[in-house]
Protein backbone atom coordinates (compact mmCIF):
# COMPACT_ATOMS: atom_id res chain seq x y z
CA MET A 1 25.16 23.79 -35.15
CA GLU A 2 24.97 23.42 -38.90
CA ILE A 3 25.30 20.47 -41.24
CA THR A 4 27.21 21.67 -44.30
CA ASN A 5 28.20 18.29 -45.77
CA PRO A 6 25.95 17.94 -48.86
CA ASP A 7 26.13 14.12 -48.81
CA LEU A 8 24.94 14.05 -45.21
CA ILE A 9 22.21 16.61 -45.89
CA LYS A 10 20.88 14.32 -48.62
CA TYR A 11 21.18 11.29 -46.33
CA TYR A 12 19.18 12.92 -43.53
CA GLU A 13 16.55 14.18 -45.97
CA ILE A 14 15.98 10.62 -47.21
CA ILE A 15 15.99 9.20 -43.66
CA ASN A 16 13.43 11.80 -42.63
CA ARG A 17 11.18 10.76 -45.52
CA ALA A 18 11.60 7.11 -44.52
CA GLU A 19 10.54 7.88 -40.95
CA ILE A 20 7.51 9.82 -42.20
CA SER A 21 6.59 6.79 -44.33
CA ILE A 22 6.78 4.60 -41.21
CA THR A 23 4.41 6.91 -39.30
CA ASN A 24 2.05 6.67 -42.29
CA GLN A 25 2.29 2.86 -42.16
CA ASN A 26 3.81 2.78 -45.64
CA MET A 27 6.55 0.23 -44.97
CA LYS A 28 7.28 -0.55 -48.62
CA GLU A 29 8.03 3.08 -49.35
CA ALA A 30 10.14 3.29 -46.20
CA SER A 31 12.15 0.23 -47.26
CA HIS A 32 12.97 1.81 -50.64
CA LEU A 33 14.01 5.04 -48.94
CA TYR A 34 16.29 3.27 -46.46
CA ARG A 35 18.01 1.44 -49.30
CA GLU A 36 18.48 4.75 -51.13
CA ALA A 37 19.84 6.43 -47.98
CA PHE A 38 22.36 3.65 -47.34
CA GLU A 39 23.60 3.84 -50.92
CA ASN A 40 24.44 7.49 -50.19
CA ASN A 41 26.02 6.75 -46.82
CA PRO A 42 28.02 3.52 -46.40
CA GLN A 43 28.17 4.08 -42.62
CA PRO A 44 24.57 4.80 -41.58
CA HIS A 45 23.83 5.48 -37.93
CA GLY A 46 22.97 2.45 -35.83
CA LYS A 47 19.49 3.83 -35.18
CA ASP A 48 18.79 3.93 -38.91
CA LEU A 49 20.16 0.42 -39.43
CA TYR A 50 17.92 -0.87 -36.65
CA ASN A 51 14.80 0.92 -37.89
CA SER A 52 15.39 -0.26 -41.45
CA MET A 53 15.80 -3.84 -40.22
CA LEU A 54 12.42 -3.63 -38.49
CA VAL A 55 10.85 -2.22 -41.68
CA PHE A 56 12.24 -5.08 -43.78
CA LEU A 57 10.97 -7.57 -41.21
CA LYS A 58 7.51 -5.98 -41.40
CA ILE A 59 7.34 -6.53 -45.17
CA LYS A 60 8.99 -9.97 -44.83
CA ASN A 61 12.04 -8.98 -46.86
CA TYR A 62 14.23 -11.26 -44.76
CA PRO A 63 17.45 -11.08 -46.83
CA HIS A 64 17.64 -7.29 -46.44
CA ALA A 65 16.53 -7.48 -42.80
CA TYR A 66 19.25 -10.05 -42.10
CA LYS A 67 21.86 -7.92 -43.85
CA ASN A 68 21.17 -5.06 -41.43
CA TYR A 69 20.86 -7.44 -38.48
CA SER A 70 24.30 -8.84 -39.33
CA LYS A 71 25.83 -5.40 -39.59
CA LEU A 72 24.44 -4.48 -36.18
CA LYS A 73 25.82 -7.74 -34.74
CA CYS A 74 29.23 -6.89 -36.22
CA LEU A 75 28.94 -3.54 -34.47
CA GLN A 76 28.30 -5.48 -31.23
CA PHE A 77 24.73 -4.25 -30.84
CA SER A 78 23.07 -6.09 -27.94
CA PHE A 79 19.92 -7.75 -29.22
CA GLN A 80 17.37 -9.25 -26.88
CA LYS A 81 17.74 -12.97 -26.25
CA ASN A 82 16.53 -15.16 -29.13
CA PHE A 83 15.90 -12.13 -31.35
CA LEU A 84 17.08 -13.99 -34.45
CA GLU A 85 14.97 -17.08 -33.74
CA ASN A 86 11.90 -15.00 -32.90
CA HIS A 87 11.99 -12.72 -35.94
CA PHE A 88 13.62 -14.61 -38.81
CA PRO A 89 12.76 -17.86 -40.61
CA ILE A 90 14.67 -20.89 -39.37
CA ARG A 91 16.94 -20.93 -42.43
CA PHE A 92 18.73 -17.85 -41.05
CA LYS A 93 19.51 -19.44 -37.69
CA ASN A 94 22.89 -20.92 -38.63
CA LYS A 95 23.76 -18.47 -41.40
CA LYS A 96 27.36 -17.24 -41.10
CA GLN A 97 27.88 -13.54 -40.57
CA ARG A 98 30.76 -11.94 -42.41
CA CYS A 99 32.10 -8.97 -40.52
CA GLN A 100 34.09 -6.51 -42.60
CA ILE A 101 34.25 -3.91 -39.84
CA ASN A 102 37.50 -3.71 -37.90
CA LEU A 103 36.82 -2.23 -34.50
CA ASP A 104 39.55 -0.45 -32.55
CA TYR A 105 39.44 -2.39 -29.28
CA LYS A 106 42.37 -0.47 -27.80
CA LEU A 107 40.52 2.82 -28.30
CA LYS A 108 37.33 1.31 -26.92
CA LYS A 109 39.18 0.15 -23.79
CA GLU A 110 40.67 3.61 -23.28
CA LEU A 111 37.26 5.26 -23.64
CA ASP A 112 35.64 2.74 -21.29
CA SER A 113 38.31 3.38 -18.66
CA LEU A 114 37.64 7.14 -18.90
CA TYR A 115 33.92 6.48 -18.44
CA VAL A 116 34.61 4.33 -15.34
CA LEU A 117 36.67 7.15 -13.82
CA ASP A 118 33.98 9.69 -14.74
CA GLN A 119 31.40 7.58 -12.87
CA LYS A 120 33.56 6.58 -9.87
CA TYR A 121 32.67 9.35 -7.41
CA ARG A 122 29.19 9.88 -8.85
CA ARG A 123 28.36 6.30 -7.92
CA LEU A 124 30.05 6.54 -4.52
CA SER A 125 28.11 9.72 -3.75
CA LYS A 126 24.76 7.96 -4.34
CA GLY A 127 23.40 11.18 -5.82
CA ASP A 128 24.82 13.59 -3.24
CA TYR A 129 27.37 15.20 -5.58
CA ALA A 130 28.03 18.11 -3.22
CA LYS A 131 29.96 15.88 -0.84
CA VAL A 132 32.37 14.76 -3.61
CA ARG A 133 32.69 18.16 -5.32
CA THR A 134 36.52 18.19 -5.00
CA GLU A 135 36.88 14.69 -6.39
CA LEU A 136 34.49 15.43 -9.27
CA THR A 137 36.42 18.57 -10.19
CA THR A 138 39.64 16.55 -10.38
CA THR A 139 38.31 13.51 -12.25
CA ASP A 140 36.17 15.54 -14.67
CA SER A 141 39.26 17.57 -15.58
CA ILE A 142 41.30 14.41 -16.17
CA VAL A 143 38.73 12.51 -18.23
CA SER A 144 37.66 15.48 -20.36
CA SER A 145 41.28 16.42 -21.15
CA ASN A 146 42.14 12.82 -22.02
CA LEU A 147 39.03 12.49 -24.17
CA ALA A 148 39.92 15.66 -26.07
CA SER A 149 43.43 14.27 -26.66
CA LEU A 150 42.04 10.97 -27.94
CA ILE A 151 39.68 12.77 -30.32
CA ALA A 152 42.55 14.95 -31.58
CA GLU A 153 44.64 11.85 -32.21
CA LYS A 154 42.06 9.33 -33.47
CA GLY A 155 39.11 11.43 -34.55
CA PHE A 156 35.64 11.39 -33.01
CA PRO A 157 34.78 7.71 -32.32
CA ASN A 158 31.53 6.23 -33.57
CA GLU A 159 30.05 2.75 -33.80
CA TYR A 160 32.25 1.87 -36.78
CA ASP A 161 35.31 2.56 -34.64
CA ILE A 162 34.34 1.12 -31.24
CA GLY A 163 31.03 -0.68 -31.82
CA PHE A 164 28.05 -0.69 -29.48
CA GLY A 165 29.51 -3.15 -26.98
CA SER A 166 29.48 -0.66 -24.12
CA ALA A 167 26.96 1.85 -25.44
CA HIS A 168 23.93 2.96 -23.46
CA ALA A 169 20.42 2.20 -24.64
CA GLY A 170 19.32 4.33 -27.56
CA PHE A 171 22.65 4.06 -29.45
CA SER A 172 24.33 6.58 -27.14
CA GLN A 173 28.03 5.95 -26.57
CA ARG A 174 29.25 5.90 -22.99
CA PHE A 175 31.89 8.56 -23.60
CA TYR A 176 29.11 11.03 -24.49
CA VAL A 177 28.55 11.22 -20.72
CA ILE A 178 32.00 12.78 -20.29
CA ILE A 179 31.04 15.51 -22.77
CA LEU A 180 27.68 15.89 -21.05
CA HIS A 181 29.43 16.58 -17.75
CA GLN A 182 31.26 19.50 -19.37
CA LEU A 183 28.04 21.48 -19.35
CA ALA A 184 28.62 25.19 -19.04
CA ASN A 185 26.62 25.59 -15.83
CA ASN A 186 27.84 22.51 -13.96
CA ILE A 187 27.62 23.52 -10.30
CA PHE A 188 29.70 20.61 -9.00
CA SER A 189 32.73 20.80 -11.29
CA PRO A 190 33.64 23.72 -13.59
CA GLN A 191 33.78 23.27 -17.34
CA VAL A 192 37.32 22.46 -18.46
CA ILE A 193 36.73 21.85 -22.16
CA ASN A 194 33.94 23.04 -24.43
CA PHE A 195 33.55 20.25 -26.99
CA SER A 196 31.59 22.36 -29.51
CA LYS A 197 34.35 22.28 -32.15
CA GLN A 198 34.76 18.51 -31.90
CA LEU A 199 30.98 17.97 -32.01
CA ASN A 200 30.49 20.18 -35.07
CA GLU A 201 33.30 18.40 -36.91
CA ALA A 202 31.93 14.99 -35.93
CA LEU A 203 28.45 16.02 -37.05
CA ASN A 204 29.68 16.95 -40.52
CA GLN A 205 31.68 13.74 -40.77
CA GLY A 206 28.62 11.64 -39.95
CA LYS A 207 30.26 10.46 -36.73
CA ILE A 208 27.40 11.52 -34.45
CA SER A 209 23.68 11.87 -34.99
CA PRO A 210 22.17 15.39 -35.13
CA GLU A 211 20.05 14.54 -32.08
CA SER A 212 23.03 13.62 -29.90
CA ALA A 213 25.13 16.50 -31.22
CA SER A 214 22.35 19.03 -30.53
CA PHE A 215 21.85 17.77 -27.00
CA LEU A 216 25.56 17.85 -26.12
CA LEU A 217 26.18 21.20 -27.84
CA ASP A 218 23.33 22.77 -25.90
CA LEU A 219 24.74 21.57 -22.58
CA ASN A 220 28.31 22.61 -23.41
CA ASN A 221 27.09 26.12 -24.20
CA GLY A 222 24.67 26.71 -21.35
CA ARG A 223 21.46 26.18 -23.32
CA ASN A 224 18.74 23.63 -22.70
CA GLN A 225 16.26 24.12 -25.54
CA PHE A 226 16.91 20.73 -27.10
CA PHE A 227 16.61 18.97 -23.75
CA SER A 228 13.18 20.46 -23.10
CA LYS A 229 10.62 17.91 -21.95
CA HIS A 230 8.09 19.68 -24.17
CA PHE A 231 9.33 17.59 -27.09
CA ALA A 232 10.71 14.53 -25.33
CA ILE A 233 9.99 10.96 -26.42
CA ASN A 234 9.49 8.83 -23.35
CA GLY A 235 9.19 5.19 -22.42
CA PHE A 236 8.74 3.10 -19.29
CA VAL A 237 11.42 0.77 -17.94
CA TYR A 238 10.65 -2.31 -15.84
CA SER A 239 12.79 -4.89 -14.05
CA ASN A 240 13.40 -8.15 -15.91
CA GLY A 241 13.06 -10.02 -12.63
CA SER A 242 16.78 -10.48 -12.00
CA ASN A 243 18.64 -9.42 -8.86
CA LEU A 244 20.30 -6.53 -10.68
CA SER A 245 19.12 -3.00 -9.94
CA ILE A 246 17.03 -1.14 -12.53
CA TRP A 247 20.03 1.17 -13.08
CA ASP A 248 22.31 -1.78 -13.97
CA GLN A 249 19.64 -3.48 -16.07
CA THR A 250 19.06 -0.26 -18.04
CA GLU A 251 22.79 0.32 -18.50
CA LYS A 252 23.28 -3.23 -19.80
CA GLY A 253 20.22 -2.95 -22.06
CA ILE A 254 18.49 -5.94 -20.44
CA SER A 255 15.59 -4.18 -18.70
CA ILE A 256 12.07 -4.50 -20.08
CA ARG A 257 11.03 -1.43 -22.05
CA ASP A 258 7.57 -0.24 -22.95
CA CYS A 259 8.23 2.37 -25.60
CA CYS A 260 7.47 4.94 -26.83
CA TYR A 261 5.29 7.84 -25.74
CA VAL A 262 5.41 11.48 -26.66
CA THR A 263 4.22 14.50 -24.78
CA TYR A 264 1.04 16.24 -25.91
CA GLY A 265 2.99 19.17 -27.35
CA PHE A 266 5.19 16.99 -29.55
CA TYR A 267 2.76 17.36 -32.46
CA PRO A 268 2.63 20.88 -33.96
CA GLU A 269 -1.17 20.96 -34.14
CA LYS A 270 -1.37 20.26 -30.39
CA ARG A 271 0.98 23.02 -29.25
CA THR A 272 -0.19 26.01 -27.28
CA GLU A 273 0.94 29.56 -28.06
CA GLU A 274 3.41 29.24 -25.21
CA LEU A 275 5.04 26.20 -26.81
CA HIS A 276 5.10 27.86 -30.23
CA SER A 277 6.92 30.83 -28.66
CA PHE A 278 9.35 28.45 -26.94
CA ASN A 279 10.08 26.63 -30.19
CA LYS A 280 10.63 29.90 -32.07
CA ALA A 281 13.08 31.08 -29.41
CA ALA A 282 14.96 27.77 -29.61
CA GLN A 283 15.45 28.19 -33.35
């Protein structure tokens, strides 16, 4: 995987500096960097929009915070109940949002239907995939082939095409799961399509974040370095008290989250020689 688009390289360099500023509690500097990054990229990733909104809220720059909040709303991001009332001054409560993003609802519906088919036998199996191996082989072949055809016709969909209305938590689109299931060493259904070409193109078009692209590329090519728990960022998920299962609450983004925690080896100065060797091999 390599980002060769110079505009995107610049964008990610600025975003990285903004995130470092946040860890250093320098929110003013982070706010300036986010504004600079978005000037270079008119379609920033949802994660960056959300983080920048939180930064602007921290420094009480409500107009800029609301601008990013509105853009996320136009992208159908699911905010927690009363988010606007709890974080913005009352004058923003009835402010009209002007959406200039035209989502492709037909494409979204097609992708959602592929995801439903992808999940059908996995849900029915209740985790025992071996007993539905034949059905998984058939449906995985259908959904992956149809997804590849859609990407060839429409391009790789991102939030500016289909929004976040049916995305998983963490700004991950549902259809990523179809690509995930095309992992090279899938023991329940053989790989039909390796999506590496599509992922690399999407990466250099700014259609997918480097984190998501790296994860999916690793799986499609039989590697698991990026997925290593050595460097994972974790959180805890709790029930919101409703009758829905934790699975459904998490999928709908309505569970209670206590986030975020990192493993001991996440920080370079804390890594053992073994982890340094692992990281070097992954590079």
